Amino acid sequence: MATTPRSDDTRDDTRSDGIRIAAARLPGPADRRAFTARGCLAVEGLWDDRCAAALAHEAGRLLPRGRRAGPDGPERPSRQAVAADAPLLARLHRALVPLARALAGRLLVPTCAWYNYYEQHDGIWLHIDIDASELALLTTVLGEVGPLHLHPALRGRTQDQLDALQRDPDWDRHSGTAVRYPRRGVLAQLGRAVPHHRPGRPLARPGAVAALHYRSPF
């Protein structure tokens, strides 16, 4: 399910650089019910082409300086760049706070944000998100990254149990519900509650996903 901002419930965040973020699209009750039931919701039309180009430029500029995300392999980002080094990413993180709170139906605050880079392969292991994330907003900002596969049937599994599952040779790496990231908006997901992965494929050129995380302050 995807939802698009309406002119009567959207507030623009436009600065002197002309970059527009329609930050305050507030989902209605039906959107919130769908988000809670499915663990995800695609929200379209939150920024324009100029903002998308600026995000791609910032992500591309930071790629060579991004820190290694962990051991090299086909199931993890190759590098990460954090919001402290990415002013536009930090601005987007703050601007989407009203959306995050409306989806969750409670007070959430920004915790961490980064660009995840996939230089040769876009696979990601089966996992749940870090404790600092009750809700994640995700979007592709550079290149072409494949859909995320969500596993609501695996709610409640620990990371150790998920690791054991994906080591099982009988586990279907293409299982789960595949959902794509909007190009001018975000995929909102309950990443701490709903396990997710991406089967992965070789990439002709690097890709990057912006990951914006929020949680309750209490």
Protein backbone atom coordinates (compact mmCIF):
# COMPACT_ATOMS: atom_id res chain seq x y z
CA MET A 1 0.00 0.00 0.00
CA ALA A 2 1.31 3.44 -0.88
CA THR A 3 -0.04 6.79 0.17
CA THR A 4 0.61 10.22 -1.32
CA PRO A 5 0.50 13.59 0.48
CA ARG A 6 -2.50 15.81 -0.16
CA SER A 7 -2.08 19.55 -0.49
CA ASP A 8 -4.23 20.18 2.57
CA ASP A 9 -2.13 18.10 4.98
CA THR A 10 1.40 18.86 3.80
CA ARG A 11 3.74 21.54 5.14
CA ASP A 12 6.78 22.36 3.04
CA ASP A 13 10.28 22.67 4.46
CA THR A 14 11.86 24.90 1.79
CA ARG A 15 15.15 26.65 2.52
CA SER A 16 17.11 29.27 0.63
CA ASP A 17 18.76 26.53 -1.43
CA GLY A 18 15.36 25.80 -2.97
CA ILE A 19 15.27 22.18 -1.77
CA ARG A 20 11.72 21.23 -0.83
CA ILE A 21 10.75 18.56 1.68
CA ALA A 22 7.03 18.05 2.25
CA ALA A 23 7.70 17.08 5.81
CA ALA A 24 4.39 17.03 7.61
CA ARG A 25 2.24 14.65 5.62
CA LEU A 26 0.12 13.18 8.41
CA PRO A 27 -1.32 9.75 7.67
CA GLY A 28 -4.95 9.10 8.44
CA PRO A 29 -6.44 6.30 10.58
CA ALA A 30 -6.55 3.84 7.66
CA ASP A 31 -2.86 4.41 6.94
CA ARG A 32 -1.97 3.87 10.60
CA ARG A 33 -4.00 0.66 10.77
CA ALA A 34 -2.32 -0.66 7.62
CA PHE A 35 1.10 0.28 8.98
CA THR A 36 0.48 -1.46 12.30
CA ALA A 37 -0.92 -4.60 10.67
CA ARG A 38 1.70 -4.99 7.95
CA GLY A 39 4.68 -3.43 9.70
CA CYS A 40 5.34 -1.16 6.72
CA LEU A 41 3.84 1.63 4.63
CA ALA A 42 5.18 3.38 1.52
CA VAL A 43 4.68 7.15 1.69
CA GLU A 44 5.17 8.81 -1.70
CA GLY A 45 5.79 12.37 -2.81
CA LEU A 46 7.66 13.80 0.18
CA TRP A 47 10.26 15.70 -1.85
CA ASP A 48 10.90 16.90 -5.37
CA ASP A 49 13.49 16.07 -8.03
CA ARG A 50 15.84 18.79 -6.82
CA CYS A 51 15.93 17.30 -3.32
CA ALA A 52 16.42 13.79 -4.75
CA ALA A 53 19.36 15.02 -6.83
CA ALA A 54 20.87 16.77 -3.80
CA LEU A 55 20.59 13.59 -1.69
CA ALA A 56 22.24 11.58 -4.47
CA HIS A 57 25.04 14.15 -4.72
CA GLU A 58 25.65 14.15 -0.96
CA ALA A 59 25.61 10.35 -0.76
CA GLY A 60 27.95 10.05 -3.74
CA ARG A 61 30.35 12.63 -2.33
CA LEU A 62 30.60 10.80 0.99
CA LEU A 63 30.99 7.30 -0.45
CA PRO A 64 34.82 7.32 -0.62
CA ARG A 65 34.98 8.57 2.98
CA GLY A 66 32.33 6.21 4.38
CA ARG A 67 33.50 3.93 7.15
CA ARG A 68 33.53 0.20 6.65
CA ALA A 69 30.27 -1.23 7.96
CA GLY A 70 31.78 -4.56 9.02
CA PRO A 71 33.43 -7.62 7.50
CA ASP A 72 33.27 -7.65 3.71
CA GLY A 73 30.57 -9.91 2.35
CA PRO A 74 27.46 -10.04 0.18
CA GLU A 75 25.01 -9.67 3.08
CA ARG A 76 25.82 -6.30 4.58
CA PRO A 77 26.46 -2.71 3.49
CA SER A 78 30.05 -2.17 2.38
CA ARG A 79 30.25 1.32 3.90
CA GLN A 80 28.23 3.79 5.96
CA ALA A 81 28.22 7.58 6.28
CA VAL A 82 26.50 9.11 9.31
CA ALA A 83 24.27 12.18 9.52
CA ALA A 84 26.97 14.13 11.38
CA ASP A 85 28.84 14.24 8.07
CA ALA A 86 25.74 14.67 5.89
CA PRO A 87 23.85 17.96 6.47
CA LEU A 88 21.00 17.20 4.06
CA LEU A 89 20.47 13.74 5.54
CA ALA A 90 20.36 15.30 9.03
CA ARG A 91 17.84 17.87 7.82
CA LEU A 92 15.66 15.14 6.30
CA HIS A 93 15.86 13.17 9.57
CA ARG A 94 14.48 16.15 11.51
CA ALA A 95 11.94 17.14 8.89
CA LEU A 96 10.26 13.72 8.94
CA VAL A 97 9.68 13.66 12.71
CA PRO A 98 5.96 14.62 12.30
CA LEU A 99 5.47 11.73 9.87
CA ALA A 100 7.19 9.26 12.20
CA ARG A 101 5.06 10.38 15.17
CA ALA A 102 1.84 10.25 13.19
CA LEU A 103 2.54 6.73 11.99
CA ALA A 104 3.48 5.48 15.45
CA GLY A 105 0.67 7.34 17.21
CA ARG A 106 3.04 8.40 19.99
CA LEU A 107 6.01 10.64 20.73
CA LEU A 108 9.15 9.59 18.87
CA VAL A 109 12.48 11.38 18.59
CA PRO A 110 15.27 11.05 16.01
CA THR A 111 18.08 8.76 17.11
CA CYS A 112 20.46 7.91 14.28
CA ALA A 113 20.61 8.23 10.51
CA TRP A 114 23.08 7.10 7.89
CA TYR A 115 23.67 6.24 4.27
CA ASN A 116 24.13 2.50 3.78
CA TYR A 117 26.29 1.85 0.71
CA TYR A 118 26.17 -1.25 -1.46
CA GLU A 119 29.11 -1.07 -3.85
CA GLN A 120 29.08 -4.48 -5.54
CA HIS A 121 26.10 -6.40 -4.11
CA ASP A 122 22.88 -5.23 -2.41
CA GLY A 123 22.21 -8.20 -0.13
CA ILE A 124 21.41 -7.73 3.56
CA TRP A 125 21.20 -10.45 6.19
CA LEU A 126 17.97 -11.47 7.95
CA HIS A 127 17.82 -9.23 10.99
CA ILE A 128 15.90 -6.94 13.30
CA ASP A 129 16.98 -3.35 13.84
CA ILE A 130 19.01 -1.95 16.70
CA ASP A 131 17.45 -0.91 20.02
CA ALA A 132 17.72 2.74 18.97
CA SER A 133 15.05 2.14 16.32
CA GLU A 134 11.35 1.61 16.96
CA LEU A 135 10.51 2.98 13.52
CA ALA A 136 12.70 3.32 10.44
CA LEU A 137 12.15 5.43 7.32
CA LEU A 138 14.07 4.13 4.29
CA THR A 139 14.66 5.45 0.78
CA THR A 140 17.04 4.75 -2.08
CA VAL A 141 19.15 7.83 -2.78
CA LEU A 142 21.80 6.49 -5.14
CA GLY A 143 21.73 3.80 -7.83
CA GLU A 144 19.27 0.92 -7.88
CA VAL A 145 18.81 -1.17 -4.74
CA GLY A 146 16.44 -4.14 -4.76
CA PRO A 147 13.29 -4.52 -2.65
CA LEU A 148 13.40 -5.31 1.04
CA HIS A 149 11.79 -8.61 2.09
CA LEU A 150 9.71 -8.37 5.28
CA HIS A 151 8.88 -11.37 7.49
CA PRO A 152 5.91 -10.53 9.75
CA ALA A 153 5.47 -14.26 10.48
CA LEU A 154 8.86 -14.15 12.25
CA ARG A 155 7.84 -11.44 14.73
CA GLY A 156 9.18 -12.25 18.18
CA ARG A 157 12.25 -14.16 17.00
CA THR A 158 15.57 -13.15 18.52
CA GLN A 159 18.55 -12.29 16.35
CA ASP A 160 20.19 -15.58 17.33
CA GLN A 161 17.12 -17.45 16.09
CA LEU A 162 17.12 -15.48 12.84
CA ASP A 163 20.83 -16.24 12.35
CA ALA A 164 20.13 -19.94 12.81
CA LEU A 165 17.26 -19.79 10.33
CA GLN A 166 19.31 -18.20 7.56
CA ARG A 167 22.12 -20.70 8.08
CA ASP A 168 19.64 -23.49 7.38
CA PRO A 169 20.29 -24.71 3.80
CA ASP A 170 16.55 -25.26 3.35
CA TRP A 171 15.69 -21.62 4.09
CA ASP A 172 14.29 -19.86 1.03
CA ARG A 173 16.37 -16.74 0.51
CA HIS A 174 13.64 -15.27 -1.66
CA SER A 175 10.91 -15.69 0.97
CA GLY A 176 9.07 -12.83 2.63
CA THR A 177 7.00 -9.96 1.30
CA ALA A 178 9.03 -7.85 -1.14
CA VAL A 179 8.52 -4.09 -0.81
CA ARG A 180 10.27 -1.40 -2.82
CA TYR A 181 11.57 1.92 -1.56
CA PRO A 182 9.77 4.96 -3.00
CA ARG A 183 12.02 7.27 -5.02
CA ARG A 184 10.52 10.52 -3.74
CA GLY A 185 9.36 9.27 -0.38
CA VAL A 186 10.02 6.64 2.28
CA LEU A 187 9.25 3.09 3.22
CA ALA A 188 8.22 3.26 6.88
CA GLN A 189 8.80 0.01 8.73
CA LEU A 190 8.77 -1.43 12.24
CA GLY A 191 12.28 -2.76 11.81
CA ARG A 192 12.79 -3.66 15.46
CA ALA A 193 9.62 -5.79 15.46
CA VAL A 194 9.49 -7.20 11.92
CA PRO A 195 12.54 -9.16 10.67
CA HIS A 196 13.70 -8.27 7.19
CA HIS A 197 16.37 -9.06 4.62
CA ARG A 198 17.27 -8.56 0.98
CA PRO A 199 18.28 -11.59 -1.12
CA GLY A 200 20.82 -9.52 -2.99
CA ARG A 201 22.15 -9.29 -6.50
CA PRO A 202 25.33 -7.96 -8.15
CA LEU A 203 25.28 -4.23 -8.87
CA ALA A 204 26.63 -2.56 -11.98
CA ARG A 205 27.27 0.63 -9.99
CA PRO A 206 27.11 1.56 -6.30
CA GLY A 207 23.79 2.08 -4.58
CA ALA A 208 22.89 3.79 -1.32
CA VAL A 209 19.90 3.70 1.02
CA ALA A 210 19.18 6.47 3.54
CA ALA A 211 18.07 4.93 6.85
CA LEU A 212 16.40 7.27 9.36
CA HIS A 213 15.66 5.85 12.81
CA TYR A 214 13.31 7.03 15.57
CA ARG A 215 12.31 5.79 19.03
CA SER A 216 10.39 6.79 22.12
CA PRO A 217 12.32 8.97 24.60
CA PHE A 218 10.76 7.12 27.52
